[in-house]
Amino acid sequence: MSVPFSAGALYSTTEDLLKWEQGLFGGKLLSAASLQKMITPFKNDYAFGLAVNVVNGRKQISHAGGISVSVHR
């Protein structure tokens, strides 16, 4: 894949994003153990595809939206 499909071209609403957040952190999409593993940094502030920081005393979990593509030949 030379160009990731839909990278940066996804559309959503605030209502849909709230449903996603509630499903993800409410235990409907992942087990509590899987979610904890996903958001626990293992290399500096890097978790499984996510940046995890503390901002103003609160945990911030983010993804900048970029996708690195490496081609192996």
N, C-alpha and C. Protein backbone atom coordinates (compact mmCIF):
# COMPACT_ATOMS: atom_id res chain seq x y z
N MET A 1 0.85 -1.16 0.00
CA MET A 1 0.00 0.00 0.00
C MET A 1 0.90 1.23 0.00
N SER A 2 0.83 2.04 -1.01
CA SER A 2 1.67 3.23 -1.07
C SER A 2 0.99 4.43 -0.41
N VAL A 3 -0.34 4.48 -0.41
CA VAL A 3 -1.07 5.55 0.23
C VAL A 3 -2.19 4.93 1.06
N PRO A 4 -2.19 5.13 2.38
CA PRO A 4 -3.24 4.56 3.21
C PRO A 4 -4.61 5.09 2.81
N PHE A 5 -5.55 4.22 2.64
CA PHE A 5 -6.91 4.58 2.25
C PHE A 5 -7.61 5.34 3.37
N SER A 6 -8.23 6.42 3.05
CA SER A 6 -9.03 7.27 3.95
C SER A 6 -8.24 8.00 5.02
N ALA A 7 -6.94 7.93 4.98
CA ALA A 7 -6.15 8.65 5.99
C ALA A 7 -6.44 10.14 5.89
N GLY A 8 -6.98 10.72 6.93
CA GLY A 8 -7.28 12.14 6.95
C GLY A 8 -8.56 12.50 6.22
N ALA A 9 -9.27 11.52 5.70
CA ALA A 9 -10.48 11.82 4.95
C ALA A 9 -11.72 11.20 5.58
N LEU A 10 -11.65 10.93 6.86
CA LEU A 10 -12.81 10.38 7.55
C LEU A 10 -13.70 11.51 8.03
N TYR A 11 -14.98 11.25 8.09
CA TYR A 11 -15.95 12.25 8.53
C TYR A 11 -16.74 11.67 9.69
N SER A 12 -17.02 12.49 10.68
CA SER A 12 -17.82 12.06 11.81
C SER A 12 -18.55 13.25 12.39
N THR A 13 -19.42 12.97 13.32
CA THR A 13 -20.13 14.02 14.06
C THR A 13 -19.71 13.95 15.52
N THR A 14 -19.98 14.98 16.26
CA THR A 14 -19.66 14.94 17.69
C THR A 14 -20.46 13.85 18.40
N GLU A 15 -21.68 13.63 17.95
CA GLU A 15 -22.51 12.56 18.54
C GLU A 15 -21.88 11.19 18.29
N ASP A 16 -21.42 10.95 17.08
CA ASP A 16 -20.75 9.68 16.78
C ASP A 16 -19.46 9.51 17.57
N LEU A 17 -18.69 10.59 17.69
CA LEU A 17 -17.45 10.51 18.47
C LEU A 17 -17.74 10.23 19.94
N LEU A 18 -18.81 10.79 20.48
CA LEU A 18 -19.19 10.51 21.85
C LEU A 18 -19.58 9.04 22.00
N LYS A 19 -20.33 8.51 21.05
CA LYS A 19 -20.70 7.08 21.09
C LYS A 19 -19.45 6.20 21.05
N TRP A 20 -18.48 6.57 20.19
CA TRP A 20 -17.22 5.82 20.11
C TRP A 20 -16.50 5.85 21.45
N GLU A 21 -16.38 7.05 22.03
CA GLU A 21 -15.69 7.19 23.31
C GLU A 21 -16.39 6.39 24.41
N GLN A 22 -17.70 6.44 24.45
CA GLN A 22 -18.45 5.70 25.46
C GLN A 22 -18.31 4.19 25.27
N GLY A 23 -18.29 3.74 24.03
CA GLY A 23 -18.12 2.32 23.75
C GLY A 23 -16.72 1.84 24.11
N LEU A 24 -15.72 2.64 23.75
CA LEU A 24 -14.34 2.26 24.00
C LEU A 24 -14.03 2.25 25.49
N PHE A 25 -14.35 3.33 26.19
CA PHE A 25 -14.02 3.43 27.61
C PHE A 25 -15.11 2.85 28.51
N GLY A 26 -16.23 2.43 27.94
CA GLY A 26 -17.32 1.84 28.72
C GLY A 26 -17.33 0.33 28.68
N GLY A 27 -16.31 -0.28 28.10
CA GLY A 27 -16.20 -1.73 28.11
C GLY A 27 -16.99 -2.47 27.06
N LYS A 28 -17.53 -1.76 26.07
CA LYS A 28 -18.32 -2.42 25.04
C LYS A 28 -17.48 -2.91 23.86
N LEU A 29 -16.30 -2.31 23.65
CA LEU A 29 -15.47 -2.66 22.50
C LEU A 29 -14.26 -3.48 22.88
N LEU A 30 -13.69 -3.23 24.04
CA LEU A 30 -12.50 -3.95 24.50
C LEU A 30 -12.70 -4.37 25.95
N SER A 31 -12.01 -5.42 26.33
CA SER A 31 -12.01 -5.76 27.75
C SER A 31 -11.23 -4.70 28.50
N ALA A 32 -11.45 -4.62 29.80
CA ALA A 32 -10.72 -3.63 30.62
C ALA A 32 -9.22 -3.86 30.52
N ALA A 33 -8.80 -5.13 30.48
CA ALA A 33 -7.37 -5.44 30.39
C ALA A 33 -6.79 -4.98 29.06
N SER A 34 -7.52 -5.20 27.96
CA SER A 34 -7.03 -4.78 26.64
C SER A 34 -6.96 -3.26 26.54
N LEU A 35 -7.97 -2.57 27.06
CA LEU A 35 -7.96 -1.12 27.03
C LEU A 35 -6.78 -0.59 27.84
N GLN A 36 -6.54 -1.15 29.02
CA GLN A 36 -5.44 -0.69 29.85
C GLN A 36 -4.11 -0.90 29.14
N LYS A 37 -3.97 -2.03 28.47
CA LYS A 37 -2.74 -2.29 27.72
C LYS A 37 -2.57 -1.30 26.58
N MET A 38 -3.68 -0.98 25.90
CA MET A 38 -3.65 -0.06 24.76
C MET A 38 -3.22 1.35 25.16
N ILE A 39 -3.59 1.80 26.35
CA ILE A 39 -3.33 3.19 26.74
C ILE A 39 -2.18 3.33 27.75
N THR A 40 -1.42 2.27 27.97
CA THR A 40 -0.28 2.32 28.88
C THR A 40 1.00 2.51 28.08
N PRO A 41 1.67 3.64 28.24
CA PRO A 41 2.91 3.87 27.48
C PRO A 41 3.97 2.83 27.83
N PHE A 42 4.71 2.40 26.81
CA PHE A 42 5.81 1.46 27.05
C PHE A 42 7.13 2.01 26.53
N LYS A 43 7.08 3.12 25.81
CA LYS A 43 8.29 3.77 25.32
C LYS A 43 8.06 5.27 25.39
N ASN A 44 8.64 5.90 26.40
CA ASN A 44 8.40 7.32 26.66
C ASN A 44 6.91 7.56 26.78
N ASP A 45 6.32 8.36 25.92
CA ASP A 45 4.88 8.63 25.98
C ASP A 45 4.10 7.86 24.92
N TYR A 46 4.71 6.80 24.37
CA TYR A 46 4.08 6.05 23.29
C TYR A 46 3.45 4.76 23.81
N ALA A 47 2.17 4.59 23.55
CA ALA A 47 1.45 3.35 23.87
C ALA A 47 1.24 2.62 22.54
N PHE A 48 0.23 1.80 22.43
CA PHE A 48 -0.03 1.07 21.19
C PHE A 48 -0.69 1.99 20.16
N GLY A 49 0.14 2.76 19.44
CA GLY A 49 -0.35 3.66 18.41
C GLY A 49 -0.87 4.99 18.93
N LEU A 50 -0.74 5.22 20.21
CA LEU A 50 -1.29 6.42 20.82
C LEU A 50 -0.22 7.15 21.63
N ALA A 51 -0.34 8.46 21.69
CA ALA A 51 0.50 9.25 22.58
C ALA A 51 -0.27 9.43 23.88
N VAL A 52 0.40 9.21 25.00
CA VAL A 52 -0.24 9.35 26.31
C VAL A 52 0.59 10.33 27.12
N ASN A 53 -0.03 11.43 27.50
CA ASN A 53 0.64 12.50 28.25
C ASN A 53 -0.25 12.93 29.41
N VAL A 54 0.33 13.70 30.31
CA VAL A 54 -0.45 14.35 31.37
C VAL A 54 -0.43 15.84 31.06
N VAL A 55 -1.62 16.42 30.92
CA VAL A 55 -1.79 17.84 30.62
C VAL A 55 -2.70 18.43 31.69
N ASN A 56 -2.19 19.43 32.38
CA ASN A 56 -2.96 20.07 33.46
C ASN A 56 -3.46 19.05 34.47
N GLY A 57 -2.62 18.05 34.77
CA GLY A 57 -2.97 17.05 35.77
C GLY A 57 -3.92 15.96 35.31
N ARG A 58 -4.26 15.95 34.02
CA ARG A 58 -5.20 14.95 33.49
C ARG A 58 -4.55 14.15 32.37
N LYS A 59 -4.87 12.87 32.30
CA LYS A 59 -4.31 12.02 31.25
C LYS A 59 -4.90 12.41 29.90
N GLN A 60 -4.04 12.61 28.93
CA GLN A 60 -4.45 12.93 27.57
C GLN A 60 -4.00 11.79 26.67
N ILE A 61 -4.93 11.21 25.94
CA ILE A 61 -4.65 10.13 25.01
C ILE A 61 -4.96 10.66 23.62
N SER A 62 -3.97 10.61 22.72
CA SER A 62 -4.19 11.22 21.41
C SER A 62 -3.49 10.46 20.30
N HIS A 63 -3.87 10.83 19.10
CA HIS A 63 -3.22 10.34 17.88
C HIS A 63 -3.25 11.50 16.91
N ALA A 64 -2.09 11.83 16.35
CA ALA A 64 -1.99 12.99 15.47
C ALA A 64 -2.67 12.79 14.11
N GLY A 65 -2.97 11.56 13.77
CA GLY A 65 -3.64 11.28 12.51
C GLY A 65 -2.73 10.79 11.41
N GLY A 66 -1.44 10.89 11.60
CA GLY A 66 -0.50 10.45 10.57
C GLY A 66 -0.38 8.93 10.53
N ILE A 67 -0.06 8.42 9.36
CA ILE A 67 0.15 6.98 9.19
C ILE A 67 1.47 6.81 8.48
N SER A 68 2.39 6.15 9.14
CA SER A 68 3.68 5.84 8.51
C SER A 68 3.52 4.58 7.69
N VAL A 69 3.99 4.64 6.47
CA VAL A 69 3.91 3.48 5.59
C VAL A 69 5.32 3.10 5.20
N SER A 70 5.70 1.88 5.51
CA SER A 70 7.00 1.40 5.07
C SER A 70 6.78 0.26 4.10
N VAL A 71 7.51 0.30 3.03
CA VAL A 71 7.38 -0.71 1.99
C VAL A 71 8.57 -1.64 2.06
N HIS A 72 8.29 -2.92 2.22
CA HIS A 72 9.36 -3.92 2.27
C HIS A 72 9.38 -4.66 0.94
N ARG A 73 10.53 -4.71 0.34
CA ARG A 73 10.65 -5.41 -0.94
C ARG A 73 11.73 -6.44 -0.86
